[in-house]
Protein backbone atom coordinates (compact mmCIF):
# COMPACT_ATOMS: atom_id res chain seq x y z
CA MET A 1 -5.21 43.31 76.90
CA ILE A 2 -3.02 42.50 73.85
CA GLY A 3 0.46 41.33 73.67
CA GLY A 4 2.84 39.60 71.15
CA SER A 5 5.89 40.77 69.18
CA MET A 6 3.88 42.23 66.35
CA MET A 7 2.19 44.65 68.66
CA ALA A 8 5.49 45.49 70.31
CA LYS A 9 6.96 46.29 66.83
CA ARG A 10 4.19 48.58 65.87
CA VAL A 11 4.41 50.56 69.02
CA ILE A 12 8.31 50.82 68.89
CA SER A 13 7.93 51.95 65.31
CA GLY A 14 5.54 54.60 66.40
CA LEU A 15 7.74 55.80 69.32
CA ALA A 16 10.91 55.90 66.85
CA LEU A 17 9.01 58.47 64.95
CA LEU A 18 8.29 60.49 68.15
CA ALA A 19 11.89 60.52 69.14
CA ALA A 20 12.88 62.04 65.74
CA MET A 21 10.08 64.68 66.19
CA ILE A 22 10.64 66.05 69.71
CA GLY A 23 13.99 67.30 70.97
CA PRO A 24 15.19 68.28 74.50
CA ALA A 25 12.28 69.49 76.82
CA THR A 26 13.76 72.86 77.67
CA ALA A 27 16.91 74.79 78.05
CA ALA A 28 16.81 74.18 81.65
CA MET A 29 17.20 70.42 81.11
CA SER A 30 19.68 70.70 78.41
CA ALA A 31 21.93 68.27 80.12
CA PRO A 32 19.68 65.47 81.03
CA ILE A 33 20.43 62.87 83.70
CA VAL A 34 21.28 59.43 82.16
CA MET A 35 19.62 56.41 83.64
CA SER A 36 22.05 54.31 85.82
CA GLU A 37 21.90 51.37 88.08
CA THR A 38 23.26 52.97 91.25
CA GLU A 39 21.62 55.95 92.76
CA VAL A 40 23.71 59.09 93.54
CA GLN A 41 24.14 59.48 97.33
CA ALA A 42 22.58 62.84 98.45
CA PRO A 43 22.17 64.29 94.91
CA ALA A 44 21.77 67.86 94.21
CA LEU A 45 18.30 69.13 93.48
CA PRO A 46 17.91 69.66 89.72
CA PRO A 47 16.67 73.09 88.35
CA ILE A 48 12.92 73.22 88.95
CA LEU A 49 11.04 74.83 85.85
CA ASN A 50 8.78 77.74 86.08
CA ALA A 51 5.14 77.61 85.05
CA ARG A 52 5.75 78.66 81.48
CA GLU A 53 8.56 76.10 80.97
CA ARG A 54 6.54 73.41 82.50
CA ALA A 55 3.64 74.08 80.28
CA ALA A 56 5.71 74.27 77.06
CA THR A 57 7.35 70.87 78.05
CA GLU A 58 3.95 69.28 78.76
CA ASN A 59 2.19 70.53 75.59
CA ARG A 60 5.18 69.44 73.35
CA ILE A 61 5.20 65.96 74.86
CA LEU A 62 1.43 65.56 74.55
CA ALA A 63 1.19 66.67 71.13
CA ALA A 64 3.73 64.05 70.03
CA ARG A 65 2.00 61.47 72.18
CA LEU A 66 -1.24 62.13 70.34
CA ASP A 67 0.67 62.01 66.96
CA THR A 68 2.10 58.69 67.33
CA ILE A 69 0.56 56.54 70.23
CA ILE A 70 -2.98 57.09 69.08
CA PRO A 71 -2.64 55.73 65.69
CA ALA A 72 -0.56 52.81 66.83
CA ILE A 73 -2.96 51.69 69.49
CA MET A 74 -6.06 52.10 67.56
CA ARG A 75 -4.68 50.03 64.67
CA GLU A 76 -3.49 47.32 66.99
CA GLN A 77 -7.04 47.05 68.43
CA GLY A 78 -8.90 47.43 65.12
CA VAL A 79 -10.93 50.29 66.48
CA ASP A 80 -11.82 53.05 64.00
CA LEU A 81 -13.61 55.39 66.37
CA TRP A 82 -12.84 56.07 70.05
CA LEU A 83 -15.20 58.45 72.07
CA MET A 84 -14.54 60.02 75.46
CA VAL A 85 -16.58 62.32 77.60
CA ALA A 86 -15.79 64.36 80.60
CA ARG A 87 -17.42 67.04 82.44
CA GLU A 88 -15.98 70.10 84.27
CA TYR A 89 -14.14 68.91 87.66
CA PHE A 90 -15.21 65.36 86.85
CA GLU A 91 -12.66 64.43 84.13
CA GLU A 92 -12.01 60.70 83.50
CA PRO A 93 -8.33 59.67 83.55
CA VAL A 94 -7.75 59.42 80.02
CA VAL A 95 -9.39 62.76 79.13
CA ALA A 96 -7.40 64.43 81.92
CA SER A 97 -4.16 63.20 80.48
CA MET A 98 -5.05 64.73 76.97
CA LEU A 99 -5.87 68.20 78.29
CA ASP A 100 -3.11 70.79 77.35
CA ALA A 101 -1.34 72.80 80.03
CA GLU A 102 -3.54 75.69 79.59
CA ASN A 103 -6.82 73.82 79.73
CA MET A 104 -6.71 72.42 83.23
CA HIS A 105 -10.23 70.99 83.30
CA ALA A 106 -12.96 70.01 80.79
CA ARG A 107 -15.34 72.87 80.07
CA ARG A 108 -18.95 72.06 80.69
CA ARG A 109 -19.15 68.73 78.71
CA THR A 110 -16.11 67.98 76.75
CA ILE A 111 -16.26 65.27 74.14
CA LEU A 112 -13.32 63.92 72.41
CA ILE A 113 -13.27 61.65 69.40
CA PHE A 114 -10.60 59.81 67.53
CA HIS A 115 -11.48 58.57 64.08
CA ASP A 116 -9.31 56.28 61.67
CA PRO A 117 -10.50 56.91 58.14
CA GLY A 118 -8.33 53.92 57.00
CA ASN A 119 -6.01 53.60 54.15
CA GLY A 120 -3.12 55.01 56.01
CA LYS A 121 -4.75 58.40 56.34
CA PRO A 122 -4.11 60.47 59.49
CA ILE A 123 -6.35 59.92 62.64
CA GLU A 124 -8.79 62.61 63.07
CA ARG A 125 -8.81 64.30 66.38
CA LEU A 126 -12.11 66.03 67.14
CA THR A 127 -13.68 67.82 69.89
CA VAL A 128 -17.61 68.24 70.16
CA SER A 129 -17.42 71.03 72.67
CA ARG A 130 -17.78 74.66 72.91
CA TYR A 131 -14.20 75.33 73.53
CA GLY A 132 -11.01 74.51 71.70
CA LEU A 133 -8.19 72.45 73.25
CA GLY A 134 -4.87 74.10 72.56
CA GLY A 135 -5.13 73.22 68.84
CA LEU A 136 -4.53 69.68 69.61
CA PHE A 137 -8.31 68.66 68.60
CA ALA A 138 -10.28 70.16 65.84
CA PRO A 139 -13.59 71.74 66.91
CA ALA A 140 -16.42 69.80 65.43
CA TRP A 141 -19.63 71.43 66.77
CA ASP A 142 -21.39 74.67 65.81
CA PRO A 143 -24.04 75.11 68.44
CA SER A 144 -25.75 77.91 66.39
CA LYS A 145 -26.50 75.22 63.70
CA GLN A 146 -27.17 72.36 66.19
CA PRO A 147 -27.86 73.23 69.68
CA ASP A 148 -28.11 69.63 70.76
CA GLN A 149 -24.71 68.48 71.57
CA TRP A 150 -25.40 64.77 71.68
CA GLN A 151 -27.10 65.04 68.28
CA ALA A 152 -24.04 66.67 66.86
CA VAL A 153 -22.09 63.66 68.21
CA ALA A 154 -24.55 61.25 66.72
CA ASP A 155 -24.43 62.91 63.33
CA LEU A 156 -20.68 63.11 63.17
CA ILE A 157 -20.41 59.39 64.02
CA ALA A 158 -23.20 58.41 61.55
CA ALA A 159 -21.40 60.30 58.77
CA ARG A 160 -18.22 58.29 59.46
CA ASP A 161 -20.10 54.88 59.72
CA PRO A 162 -17.45 53.28 61.82
CA ALA A 163 -17.17 49.47 62.37
CA LYS A 164 -16.24 49.67 66.12
CA ILE A 165 -17.06 52.56 68.51
CA ALA A 166 -15.04 52.28 71.56
CA VAL A 167 -16.06 53.85 74.96
CA ASN A 168 -14.29 53.63 78.25
CA THR A 169 -15.99 51.08 80.32
CA SER A 170 -14.27 48.63 82.45
CA ASP A 171 -15.17 46.67 85.76
CA LEU A 172 -11.43 45.74 86.27
CA TYR A 173 -9.46 48.91 85.65
CA GLN A 174 -10.46 52.25 87.05
CA PHE A 175 -8.39 54.06 84.33
CA ALA A 176 -10.65 52.69 81.69
CA ASP A 177 -14.05 53.21 83.26
CA GLY A 178 -14.68 56.85 82.44
CA MET A 179 -17.93 56.76 80.75
CA THR A 180 -20.61 57.44 83.35
CA LEU A 181 -24.04 55.92 83.11
CA SER A 182 -25.77 59.30 82.66
CA GLN A 183 -23.54 60.21 79.72
CA TYR A 184 -23.77 56.64 78.14
CA GLU A 185 -27.57 56.81 78.19
CA LYS A 186 -27.53 60.41 76.57
CA PHE A 187 -24.95 59.29 73.97
CA THR A 188 -26.67 55.94 73.12
CA GLY A 189 -30.01 57.71 73.06
CA ALA A 190 -29.04 59.94 70.35
CA LEU A 191 -27.13 57.37 68.36
CA PRO A 192 -28.93 55.73 65.42
CA ALA A 193 -30.02 52.32 66.55
CA PRO A 194 -27.88 50.38 63.87
CA LEU A 195 -24.79 52.04 65.27
CA ARG A 196 -25.38 50.96 68.98
CA SER A 197 -24.52 47.31 68.38
CA ARG A 198 -20.99 48.38 67.25
CA ILE A 199 -20.12 49.86 70.76
CA VAL A 200 -17.19 48.03 72.25
CA SER A 201 -15.02 48.68 75.39
CA GLY A 202 -12.11 51.02 75.04
CA GLU A 203 -10.53 49.40 78.05
CA THR A 204 -7.26 48.12 76.21
CA LEU A 205 -6.87 51.51 74.30
CA ALA A 206 -7.12 53.42 77.59
CA ILE A 207 -4.51 51.20 79.31
CA ARG A 208 -2.20 51.31 76.39
CA TRP A 209 -2.41 55.17 75.85
CA LEU A 210 -1.78 55.65 79.67
CA GLU A 211 1.09 53.07 80.07
CA THR A 212 3.12 53.84 77.11
CA ARG A 213 6.19 55.87 77.73
CA THR A 214 7.69 57.91 74.92
CA PRO A 215 11.34 58.84 74.15
CA ALA A 216 10.65 62.50 75.03
CA GLU A 217 9.17 61.39 78.44
CA MET A 218 12.19 59.05 79.14
CA GLU A 219 14.44 61.90 78.34
CA ILE A 220 13.15 64.07 81.35
CA TYR A 221 12.09 61.11 83.79
CA PRO A 222 15.57 60.83 85.10
CA SER A 223 15.44 64.43 86.27
CA VAL A 224 11.98 63.96 87.73
CA LEU A 225 13.34 61.11 89.80
CA ARG A 226 16.42 62.84 90.74
CA THR A 227 14.24 65.69 92.13
CA ALA A 228 12.46 63.20 94.34
CA HIS A 229 15.68 61.51 95.45
CA ALA A 230 17.18 64.79 96.30
CA ILE A 231 14.32 65.70 98.52
CA ILE A 232 14.35 62.32 100.27
CA ALA A 233 18.22 62.72 100.86
CA GLU A 234 17.51 66.10 102.42
CA ALA A 235 14.63 64.53 104.68
CA PHE A 236 17.07 61.72 105.73
CA SER A 237 19.70 64.13 107.02
CA ARG A 238 20.76 66.11 110.09
CA ALA A 239 19.22 69.26 108.31
CA VAL A 240 15.86 67.79 109.06
CA ILE A 241 16.30 65.23 111.78
CA THR A 242 17.70 65.71 115.28
CA PRO A 243 17.90 62.42 117.00
CA GLY A 244 16.12 62.42 120.36
CA VAL A 245 14.04 65.44 119.21
CA THR A 246 12.33 64.86 115.78
CA THR A 247 9.35 62.74 115.35
CA ALA A 248 8.39 60.67 112.36
CA GLU A 249 5.44 62.76 111.82
CA GLN A 250 7.47 65.96 111.67
CA VAL A 251 9.50 64.60 108.81
CA GLN A 252 6.26 63.68 107.07
CA TRP A 253 5.04 67.35 107.21
CA TRP A 254 8.39 68.66 106.40
CA TYR A 255 8.11 66.86 103.07
CA ARG A 256 4.93 68.70 102.44
CA ASP A 257 6.38 72.11 103.40
CA ARG A 258 9.48 71.50 101.21
CA LEU A 259 7.11 70.73 98.07
CA LEU A 260 5.15 73.89 98.85
CA GLN A 261 8.50 75.82 98.61
CA LEU A 262 9.54 74.11 95.64
CA GLY A 263 6.15 74.58 93.86
CA LEU A 264 5.85 70.72 93.53
CA GLU A 265 3.07 68.36 94.50
CA PRO A 266 2.90 64.96 96.15
CA TRP A 267 0.44 62.44 94.72
CA PHE A 268 0.18 60.96 98.31
CA HIS A 269 0.77 61.90 101.85
CA PRO A 270 4.47 60.89 102.47
CA SER A 271 5.14 58.10 105.05
CA VAL A 272 7.91 57.88 107.54
CA ALA A 273 8.19 55.07 110.03
CA ILE A 274 10.76 53.53 112.38
CA GLN A 275 12.01 49.98 113.23
CA ARG A 276 13.94 49.75 116.56
CA ALA A 277 15.60 46.85 118.32
CA GLY A 278 13.27 45.46 120.75
CA ALA A 279 10.23 47.13 119.32
CA LYS A 280 7.46 45.31 117.36
CA GLY A 281 6.58 46.60 113.94
CA MET A 282 6.67 50.04 112.55
CA LEU A 283 6.61 52.92 114.93
CA GLU A 284 4.88 56.14 113.53
CA GLY A 285 3.28 59.34 114.38
CA ASP A 286 4.61 61.15 117.42
CA GLU A 287 7.37 58.55 117.94
CA VAL A 288 10.80 60.43 118.50
CA ILE A 289 13.53 59.14 116.22
CA GLN A 290 16.54 57.79 118.22
CA PRO A 291 20.15 56.59 117.62
CA GLY A 292 20.09 53.04 116.45
CA ASP A 293 16.77 53.22 114.67
CA LEU A 294 16.24 52.06 111.11
CA LEU A 295 13.99 54.64 109.38
CA TRP A 296 11.72 53.99 106.32
CA THR A 297 10.08 56.46 104.04
CA ASP A 298 7.57 56.18 101.15
CA PHE A 299 7.61 59.48 98.99
CA GLY A 300 6.16 60.41 95.43
CA ILE A 301 5.62 63.51 93.44
CA ASN A 302 4.00 64.38 90.15
CA TYR A 303 6.10 66.86 87.93
CA LEU A 304 5.87 67.35 84.21
CA ARG A 305 3.02 64.81 84.36
CA LEU A 306 5.31 62.05 85.49
CA SER A 307 4.89 60.45 88.81
CA THR A 308 7.66 59.03 91.10
CA ASP A 309 7.28 56.48 93.93
CA THR A 310 10.32 55.80 96.03
CA GLN A 311 10.95 53.81 99.37
CA HIS A 312 14.34 54.27 100.94
CA LEU A 313 15.93 53.27 104.29
CA ALA A 314 18.28 55.13 106.64
CA TYR A 315 19.98 54.33 109.90
CA VAL A 316 20.69 56.64 112.82
CA LEU A 317 24.11 56.10 113.86
CA LYS A 318 24.75 55.59 117.68
CA PRO A 319 27.73 57.39 119.10
CA GLY A 320 30.98 55.70 117.90
CA GLU A 321 29.35 53.94 115.09
CA ARG A 322 30.66 54.51 111.55
CA ASP A 323 28.11 52.24 109.64
CA ALA A 324 24.96 50.38 110.07
CA PRO A 325 24.98 46.96 111.56
CA ALA A 326 25.97 44.23 109.08
CA GLY A 327 22.68 42.51 109.44
CA LEU A 328 20.79 45.65 108.38
CA ARG A 329 23.10 46.07 105.36
CA GLN A 330 22.46 42.51 104.46
CA GLY A 331 18.70 42.98 104.74
CA LEU A 332 18.76 45.86 102.16
CA ALA A 333 21.17 43.53 99.88
CA ASN A 334 18.52 40.88 99.94
CA SER A 335 15.85 43.32 98.71
CA ASN A 336 18.09 44.41 95.97
CA ARG A 337 18.58 40.79 95.02
CA VAL A 338 14.87 40.31 94.69
CA GLN A 339 14.57 43.46 92.48
CA ASP A 340 17.25 41.89 90.08
CA ILE A 341 15.29 38.40 90.12
CA LEU A 342 11.91 40.38 89.33
CA ARG A 343 13.57 42.44 86.58
CA ARG A 344 14.64 39.07 84.80
CA GLN A 345 11.07 38.01 84.62
CA PHE A 346 9.91 40.96 82.44
CA ALA A 347 9.07 39.76 78.90
CA VAL A 348 6.68 41.37 76.29
CA GLY A 349 3.41 39.45 76.37
CA ARG A 350 4.08 37.91 79.69
CA SER A 351 1.31 38.37 82.37
CA GLY A 352 1.95 40.30 85.68
CA ASN A 353 0.75 37.19 87.38
CA ALA A 354 3.17 35.03 85.65
CA ALA A 355 6.04 37.42 86.41
CA LEU A 356 5.07 37.42 89.90
CA ALA A 357 4.99 33.51 90.38
CA SER A 358 8.41 33.19 88.59
CA ALA A 359 10.07 35.85 90.68
CA ARG A 360 8.71 34.45 94.01
CA ALA A 361 9.84 30.79 93.13
CA GLU A 362 13.36 31.96 92.29
CA ALA A 363 13.50 34.20 95.35
CA VAL A 364 12.22 31.58 97.76
CA ALA A 365 14.69 28.95 96.32
CA ALA A 366 17.53 31.10 96.96
CA GLY A 367 16.45 31.28 100.66
CA LEU A 368 15.02 34.85 100.61
CA ASP A 369 11.67 35.82 102.18
CA PRO A 370 10.09 38.15 99.85
CA SER A 371 6.78 40.08 99.34
CA ILE A 372 6.36 41.58 95.82
CA TYR A 373 3.77 44.22 95.01
CA THR A 374 5.16 46.06 91.85
CA HIS A 375 3.09 48.20 89.81
CA PRO A 376 3.18 50.43 86.62
CA ILE A 377 4.06 54.21 86.87
CA GLY A 378 3.91 57.18 84.63
CA LEU A 379 1.13 59.59 84.23
CA HIS A 380 -0.19 58.29 87.64
CA GLY A 381 1.60 56.90 90.60
CA HIS A 382 -0.19 53.56 90.74
CA GLY A 383 -0.40 53.66 86.93
CA ALA A 384 -2.28 51.87 84.22
CA GLY A 385 -1.28 48.35 83.40
CA PRO A 386 -0.90 44.92 84.94
CA SER A 387 0.13 44.68 88.56
CA ILE A 388 2.81 42.32 89.83
CA GLY A 389 1.53 41.16 93.17
CA PHE A 390 -0.14 43.03 96.03
CA TRP A 391 1.32 43.38 99.59
CA ASP A 392 -1.83 41.58 100.71
CA ASN A 393 -1.87 38.88 97.96
CA GLN A 394 1.15 37.13 96.68
CA ASN A 395 -1.01 34.76 94.38
CA ALA A 396 -2.62 35.37 91.02
CA ASP A 397 -4.93 38.24 90.80
CA PRO A 398 -7.21 39.54 88.06
CA ARG A 399 -5.41 42.83 88.13
CA GLY A 400 -2.30 40.90 87.30
CA SER A 401 -3.86 39.22 84.38
CA GLY A 402 -2.79 41.82 81.69
CA VAL A 403 0.32 41.48 79.86
CA ILE A 404 3.59 43.44 80.09
CA ASN A 405 4.29 45.77 77.20
CA ALA A 406 7.43 47.32 75.91
CA ASN A 407 8.00 51.12 76.63
CA THR A 408 6.48 51.02 79.94
CA ALA A 409 7.69 52.38 83.40
CA TRP A 410 7.46 50.41 86.67
CA SER A 411 7.66 50.93 90.40
CA ILE A 412 9.83 47.91 91.50
CA GLU A 413 8.18 47.69 94.82
CA LEU A 414 8.82 44.94 97.28
CA THR A 415 10.34 43.93 100.59
CA THR A 416 12.21 41.03 102.17
CA TYR A 417 12.26 40.01 105.64
CA ALA A 418 15.34 38.81 107.67
CA ALA A 419 16.38 38.19 111.16
CA VAL A 420 19.11 40.65 112.26
CA PRO A 421 21.80 39.16 114.56
CA GLU A 422 22.67 42.64 116.03
CA TRP A 423 18.92 42.93 117.17
CA GLY A 424 18.74 39.56 118.76
CA GLY A 425 17.30 37.82 115.75
CA GLN A 426 14.54 40.43 115.33
CA ARG A 427 12.63 40.07 112.13
CA VAL A 428 13.09 43.23 110.23
CA ASP A 429 11.18 44.56 107.16
CA PHE A 430 13.41 45.79 104.44
CA ARG A 431 11.11 47.81 102.18
CA SER A 432 12.55 49.01 98.83
CA GLU A 433 10.96 50.93 95.87
CA GLU A 434 12.59 52.24 92.67
CA ASN A 435 11.35 53.39 89.38
CA ALA A 436 12.44 51.51 86.16
CA PHE A 437 11.84 51.40 82.48
CA PHE A 438 11.16 48.28 80.25
CA ASP A 439 12.29 48.96 76.81
CA GLY A 440 10.98 45.46 75.61
CA LYS A 441 14.28 43.57 76.52
CA THR A 442 15.63 44.94 79.64
CA VAL A 443 14.44 46.87 82.78
CA ARG A 444 16.72 49.58 83.93
CA PHE A 445 16.48 51.90 86.87
CA ILE A 446 15.58 55.53 85.68
CA ASP A 447 17.78 57.18 88.36
CA GLY A 448 19.55 54.18 89.98
CA ARG A 449 18.42 52.43 93.13
CA GLN A 450 19.37 52.44 96.85
CA THR A 451 22.14 50.06 97.45
CA GLU A 452 23.50 51.30 100.83
CA ILE A 453 21.52 52.49 103.72
CA THR A 454 21.67 56.25 104.20
CA LEU A 455 23.51 57.12 107.45
CA ILE A 456 22.39 59.82 109.83
CA PRO A 457 24.92 60.95 112.45
CA SER A 458 23.68 61.23 116.00
CA GLY A 459 25.83 63.95 117.03
CA GLN A 460 26.54 67.46 115.76
């Protein structure tokens, strides 16, 4: 992984160019939601784009990403040729993210090549395949002249004589391990022997491509998050939950049905669980939701190629109650405090492990009982980039050794534990997860964060 101020300046420069190139995503989002610290309670559902509007938005953003991010990261890494291979229904993560909205899958074998000719010339974007890719990659293979696709690749590379040939191989990061053994053997078998020694891992290129968020993406990301927040607000309401009747599992499947109605997709099956005075741990499945329960949900969608990942809490009021018990409210406040502590640890070039250690030390010194398991988010829910802790490992981890970069999005995921006096001192788990953007200086929530427990009336 790479870090340092020079790298950040180069990427920011490229993204500034992107901001000038791309305007509002679509007329339906002409009044974009602005990032804020506090989440709107029970927000209205933003307009959902139709298929054609979604495709236009995705293609416009993808074209600009290719124009700006690719030159920046290839020159950062000193790589002059980057090759990727995907096969139909077996697309590697990077190639999948580079397909336009009409080309949903690789066709037969799709080979993408980026080549930097140097001297400030534009990056070549080539595809050695039978089919074009939305005009984003120039066709570079005529099967009638050279029927052997791998030989066509070898000839193309030999003609450009690159110093470094990056292919996506990585033992640590799944996002950067897209070159399969069979395709690697075919590729190297056709490549002239002197060029084989120039093959390097494209690990950092893959991570930087996937983790970097552009101004155009950040223009629409708040609306994507607002969509998820609105659906959660609906789930945690009397429109969905009837205390004494509705089960945790029924709310989970309500989410799935609601997304089908809206033409949206989850990237994981939603979670709903219950904490209850006198009950141990999380109650799930066919457990009926009752007055006095603390509800938890974990819910995420992928919309316009951007993912959300949110955990919220709700309390089912007992008859006569007007608010959640003070001990529960303090528990959420504790988690909000750890969020702020963690956000202060973000710095360009700092490793995820270093951020974790600093945040935990400060939180523990403040008398809190935290567990931090924050991860990047963006094109994938559990996105490319360094992790900051894991729920089952609060110590340094190889996956947290990479550095934090500017223009990246994060799922600030964590919990704190606290004894709740109103529940007889029972230890309660206050899980929280909100999505945020790091601009290189500060971490801001994309559509606010939950600071008050959602209240669900127990009566009509």
